[in-house]
Every structure is written in C-alpha cells, then in structure tokens.
Amino acid sequence: MANNVKVKINSSGAREILNSAGVQSDLLHRANGIKRSAESMGNGTFEADVQAGKSRAHAMVKTTDIVSIRSNAKNNTLLKAMGSGK
C-alpha cells in the first residue's frame, strides 16, 4: 500500500533559500570559526567572507598578508583549520 509521491523542486525558490540572509549568516559563522582556528595555529591573520552566488551563497577564509600566506603554504594552516573549525 505504498503511495507514489513525486516531488518537484522549485528551482528559483531553492536559489532564494540558498542565497538567503539566514544561510549567509550561518556560513559566515562557520567561516569565522575556521578563521579563529587558523589564527590560533600560525602567525598570520586571515579574513572570513561570504558572497551570494548564482545558485547559492559561498563562504571563504583567505590569507591577508605575506605572513599568513607563508604560514598557510608551509603548514597547510587553512586545511588543518577546516578540520577543527567550529
């Protein structure tokens, strides 16, 4: 007695949700956790940023100066911080 249910996703609605202020706020919170973790591992400073995209928002943590670039290149600071960023 299984009922067949078909679900059709509204693409424009999904894009609105994935680019919404709430999703961007959550992404920024997560990116800031990774940023804090990376800064505690090395000498450099990092920057967290969120941007709305074509289909969804994107968060990034990036190096800001030569010290953080070198720290990341030598120790994979950002990669390691992603595993421990909360």
N, C-alpha and C. Protein backbone atom coordinates (compact mmCIF):
# COMPACT_ATOMS: atom_id res chain seq x y z
N MET A 1 0.82 -1.19 0.00
CA MET A 1 0.00 0.00 0.00
C MET A 1 0.86 1.25 0.00
N ALA A 2 1.90 1.21 -0.75
CA ALA A 2 2.78 2.37 -0.84
C ALA A 2 2.20 3.36 -1.83
N ASN A 3 2.20 4.60 -1.44
CA ASN A 3 1.74 5.66 -2.33
C ASN A 3 2.94 6.24 -3.04
N ASN A 4 2.83 6.42 -4.31
CA ASN A 4 3.90 7.05 -5.06
C ASN A 4 3.77 8.55 -4.94
N VAL A 5 4.79 9.18 -4.41
CA VAL A 5 4.79 10.62 -4.23
C VAL A 5 5.89 11.19 -5.09
N LYS A 6 5.55 12.17 -5.88
CA LYS A 6 6.55 12.84 -6.70
C LYS A 6 6.72 14.25 -6.18
N VAL A 7 7.97 14.64 -6.02
CA VAL A 7 8.29 15.97 -5.54
C VAL A 7 9.04 16.70 -6.63
N LYS A 8 8.60 17.90 -6.93
CA LYS A 8 9.30 18.72 -7.92
C LYS A 8 9.81 19.96 -7.20
N ILE A 9 11.12 20.15 -7.22
CA ILE A 9 11.76 21.28 -6.55
C ILE A 9 11.57 22.54 -7.40
N ASN A 10 11.17 23.60 -6.74
CA ASN A 10 11.06 24.90 -7.40
C ASN A 10 12.47 25.50 -7.42
N SER A 11 13.09 25.53 -8.60
CA SER A 11 14.49 25.96 -8.71
C SER A 11 14.71 27.38 -8.21
N SER A 12 13.84 28.29 -8.58
CA SER A 12 14.03 29.68 -8.15
C SER A 12 13.85 29.81 -6.64
N GLY A 13 12.94 29.04 -6.07
CA GLY A 13 12.76 29.06 -4.62
C GLY A 13 13.96 28.50 -3.88
N ALA A 14 14.53 27.43 -4.43
CA ALA A 14 15.73 26.84 -3.83
C ALA A 14 16.89 27.83 -3.88
N ARG A 15 17.05 28.53 -5.00
CA ARG A 15 18.11 29.55 -5.11
C ARG A 15 17.91 30.65 -4.09
N GLU A 16 16.67 31.08 -3.90
CA GLU A 16 16.40 32.14 -2.91
C GLU A 16 16.77 31.68 -1.51
N ILE A 17 16.45 30.45 -1.18
CA ILE A 17 16.77 29.93 0.15
C ILE A 17 18.28 29.82 0.33
N LEU A 18 18.97 29.28 -0.68
CA LEU A 18 20.42 29.07 -0.56
C LEU A 18 21.21 30.37 -0.60
N ASN A 19 20.59 31.46 -1.04
CA ASN A 19 21.23 32.78 -1.03
C ASN A 19 20.66 33.69 0.06
N SER A 20 19.77 33.16 0.90
CA SER A 20 19.09 33.99 1.90
C SER A 20 20.05 34.51 2.98
N ALA A 21 19.59 35.51 3.68
CA ALA A 21 20.39 36.12 4.75
C ALA A 21 20.69 35.11 5.87
N GLY A 22 19.74 34.24 6.16
CA GLY A 22 19.95 33.23 7.20
C GLY A 22 21.05 32.25 6.84
N VAL A 23 21.07 31.80 5.60
CA VAL A 23 22.11 30.88 5.14
C VAL A 23 23.45 31.59 5.13
N GLN A 24 23.48 32.83 4.66
CA GLN A 24 24.73 33.60 4.64
C GLN A 24 25.25 33.82 6.05
N SER A 25 24.36 34.08 6.99
CA SER A 25 24.76 34.27 8.38
C SER A 25 25.37 32.99 8.95
N ASP A 26 24.76 31.85 8.67
CA ASP A 26 25.30 30.57 9.14
C ASP A 26 26.66 30.29 8.52
N LEU A 27 26.80 30.54 7.22
CA LEU A 27 28.08 30.33 6.55
C LEU A 27 29.17 31.23 7.13
N LEU A 28 28.82 32.49 7.42
CA LEU A 28 29.80 33.41 8.00
C LEU A 28 30.21 32.95 9.39
N HIS A 29 29.26 32.44 10.16
CA HIS A 29 29.57 31.92 11.49
C HIS A 29 30.57 30.75 11.39
N ARG A 30 30.33 29.85 10.45
CA ARG A 30 31.23 28.71 10.26
C ARG A 30 32.60 29.16 9.76
N ALA A 31 32.61 30.11 8.82
CA ALA A 31 33.88 30.62 8.29
C ALA A 31 34.68 31.32 9.38
N ASN A 32 34.00 32.06 10.26
CA ASN A 32 34.70 32.72 11.36
C ASN A 32 35.32 31.71 12.32
N GLY A 33 34.66 30.57 12.51
CA GLY A 33 35.23 29.51 13.34
C GLY A 33 36.51 28.96 12.74
N ILE A 34 36.52 28.76 11.44
CA ILE A 34 37.72 28.29 10.75
C ILE A 34 38.80 29.36 10.81
N LYS A 35 38.43 30.61 10.67
CA LYS A 35 39.37 31.73 10.74
C LYS A 35 40.05 31.77 12.11
N ARG A 36 39.25 31.68 13.17
CA ARG A 36 39.82 31.70 14.53
C ARG A 36 40.76 30.52 14.75
N SER A 37 40.36 29.36 14.26
CA SER A 37 41.20 28.18 14.40
C SER A 37 42.52 28.35 13.65
N ALA A 38 42.46 28.88 12.43
CA ALA A 38 43.68 29.09 11.64
C ALA A 38 44.59 30.11 12.30
N GLU A 39 44.01 31.16 12.85
CA GLU A 39 44.83 32.20 13.50
C GLU A 39 45.48 31.67 14.77
N SER A 40 44.85 30.71 15.42
CA SER A 40 45.45 30.15 16.64
C SER A 40 46.60 29.19 16.31
N MET A 41 46.66 28.69 15.09
CA MET A 41 47.71 27.73 14.69
C MET A 41 48.99 28.40 14.21
N GLY A 42 48.85 29.57 13.57
CA GLY A 42 50.02 30.17 12.95
C GLY A 42 50.20 31.61 13.38
N ASN A 43 51.06 32.30 12.65
CA ASN A 43 51.37 33.69 12.97
C ASN A 43 50.52 34.69 12.20
N GLY A 44 49.95 34.29 11.10
CA GLY A 44 49.26 35.23 10.21
C GLY A 44 47.85 35.54 10.64
N THR A 45 47.27 36.48 9.93
CA THR A 45 45.86 36.82 10.13
C THR A 45 45.10 36.42 8.86
N PHE A 46 43.87 36.00 9.06
CA PHE A 46 43.04 35.53 7.96
C PHE A 46 41.74 36.33 7.94
N GLU A 47 41.03 36.25 6.83
CA GLU A 47 39.79 37.00 6.65
C GLU A 47 38.68 36.05 6.24
N ALA A 48 37.51 36.17 6.87
CA ALA A 48 36.34 35.37 6.51
C ALA A 48 35.37 36.26 5.74
N ASP A 49 34.76 35.68 4.70
CA ASP A 49 33.87 36.46 3.83
C ASP A 49 32.79 35.55 3.27
N VAL A 50 31.61 36.11 3.03
CA VAL A 50 30.51 35.39 2.40
C VAL A 50 30.00 36.21 1.24
N GLN A 51 29.74 35.54 0.13
CA GLN A 51 29.20 36.22 -1.05
C GLN A 51 28.05 35.41 -1.60
N ALA A 52 27.02 36.10 -2.06
CA ALA A 52 25.91 35.43 -2.73
C ALA A 52 26.38 35.00 -4.11
N GLY A 53 26.00 33.81 -4.52
CA GLY A 53 26.40 33.30 -5.82
C GLY A 53 25.22 33.18 -6.76
N LYS A 54 25.45 32.58 -7.89
CA LYS A 54 24.39 32.40 -8.89
C LYS A 54 23.33 31.43 -8.39
N SER A 55 23.76 30.34 -7.74
CA SER A 55 22.81 29.35 -7.27
C SER A 55 22.81 29.19 -5.75
N ARG A 56 23.88 29.64 -5.08
CA ARG A 56 23.96 29.52 -3.61
C ARG A 56 25.05 30.45 -3.10
N ALA A 57 24.99 30.73 -1.80
CA ALA A 57 26.00 31.59 -1.17
C ALA A 57 27.28 30.79 -0.95
N HIS A 58 28.41 31.49 -0.96
CA HIS A 58 29.72 30.86 -0.78
C HIS A 58 30.47 31.58 0.33
N ALA A 59 31.09 30.81 1.20
CA ALA A 59 31.93 31.36 2.26
C ALA A 59 33.38 31.04 1.94
N MET A 60 34.26 31.93 2.35
CA MET A 60 35.68 31.68 2.14
C MET A 60 36.49 32.27 3.28
N VAL A 61 37.59 31.63 3.56
CA VAL A 61 38.57 32.14 4.51
C VAL A 61 39.85 32.27 3.71
N LYS A 62 40.44 33.46 3.73
CA LYS A 62 41.61 33.69 2.90
C LYS A 62 42.71 34.39 3.66
N THR A 63 43.90 34.30 3.11
CA THR A 63 45.06 34.94 3.70
C THR A 63 44.99 36.44 3.44
N THR A 64 45.59 37.22 4.35
CA THR A 64 45.52 38.67 4.21
C THR A 64 46.87 39.34 4.05
N ASP A 65 47.93 38.66 4.43
CA ASP A 65 49.26 39.28 4.36
C ASP A 65 50.30 38.20 4.05
N ILE A 66 51.53 38.63 3.86
CA ILE A 66 52.61 37.70 3.49
C ILE A 66 52.87 36.68 4.59
N VAL A 67 52.69 37.06 5.84
CA VAL A 67 52.92 36.13 6.95
C VAL A 67 51.92 34.98 6.89
N SER A 68 50.65 35.31 6.66
CA SER A 68 49.64 34.25 6.60
C SER A 68 49.78 33.42 5.34
N ILE A 69 50.22 34.02 4.25
CA ILE A 69 50.45 33.27 3.01
C ILE A 69 51.55 32.23 3.23
N ARG A 70 52.64 32.67 3.86
CA ARG A 70 53.75 31.74 4.12
C ARG A 70 53.36 30.66 5.12
N SER A 71 52.64 31.05 6.16
CA SER A 71 52.20 30.09 7.17
C SER A 71 51.30 29.03 6.53
N ASN A 72 50.40 29.47 5.67
CA ASN A 72 49.49 28.54 5.01
C ASN A 72 50.26 27.63 4.05
N ALA A 73 51.21 28.20 3.32
CA ALA A 73 51.98 27.41 2.36
C ALA A 73 52.85 26.37 3.06
N LYS A 74 53.44 26.73 4.18
CA LYS A 74 54.36 25.83 4.88
C LYS A 74 53.61 24.78 5.69
N ASN A 75 52.54 25.17 6.37
CA ASN A 75 51.88 24.30 7.34
C ASN A 75 50.47 23.85 6.95
N ASN A 76 49.97 24.28 5.78
CA ASN A 76 48.59 23.98 5.39
C ASN A 76 47.60 24.42 6.48
N THR A 77 47.80 25.61 6.98
CA THR A 77 47.04 26.12 8.11
C THR A 77 45.54 26.11 7.85
N LEU A 78 45.11 26.61 6.70
CA LEU A 78 43.67 26.66 6.42
C LEU A 78 43.07 25.26 6.28
N LEU A 79 43.79 24.37 5.66
CA LEU A 79 43.31 22.99 5.51
C LEU A 79 43.15 22.32 6.87
N LYS A 80 44.11 22.50 7.74
CA LYS A 80 44.04 21.93 9.09
C LYS A 80 42.93 22.59 9.89
N ALA A 81 42.74 23.90 9.70
CA ALA A 81 41.71 24.63 10.45
C ALA A 81 40.31 24.18 10.05
N MET A 82 40.14 23.75 8.82
CA MET A 82 38.82 23.28 8.38
C MET A 82 38.39 22.05 9.14
N GLY A 83 39.33 21.24 9.55
CA GLY A 83 39.01 20.04 10.32
C GLY A 83 38.64 20.34 11.76
N SER A 84 39.08 21.48 12.27
CA SER A 84 38.83 21.81 13.67
C SER A 84 37.99 23.05 13.85
N GLY A 85 37.59 23.75 12.78
CA GLY A 85 36.79 24.98 12.91
C GLY A 85 35.37 24.68 13.34
N LYS A 86 34.95 25.31 14.41
CA LYS A 86 33.59 25.11 14.93
C LYS A 86 32.91 26.42 15.13
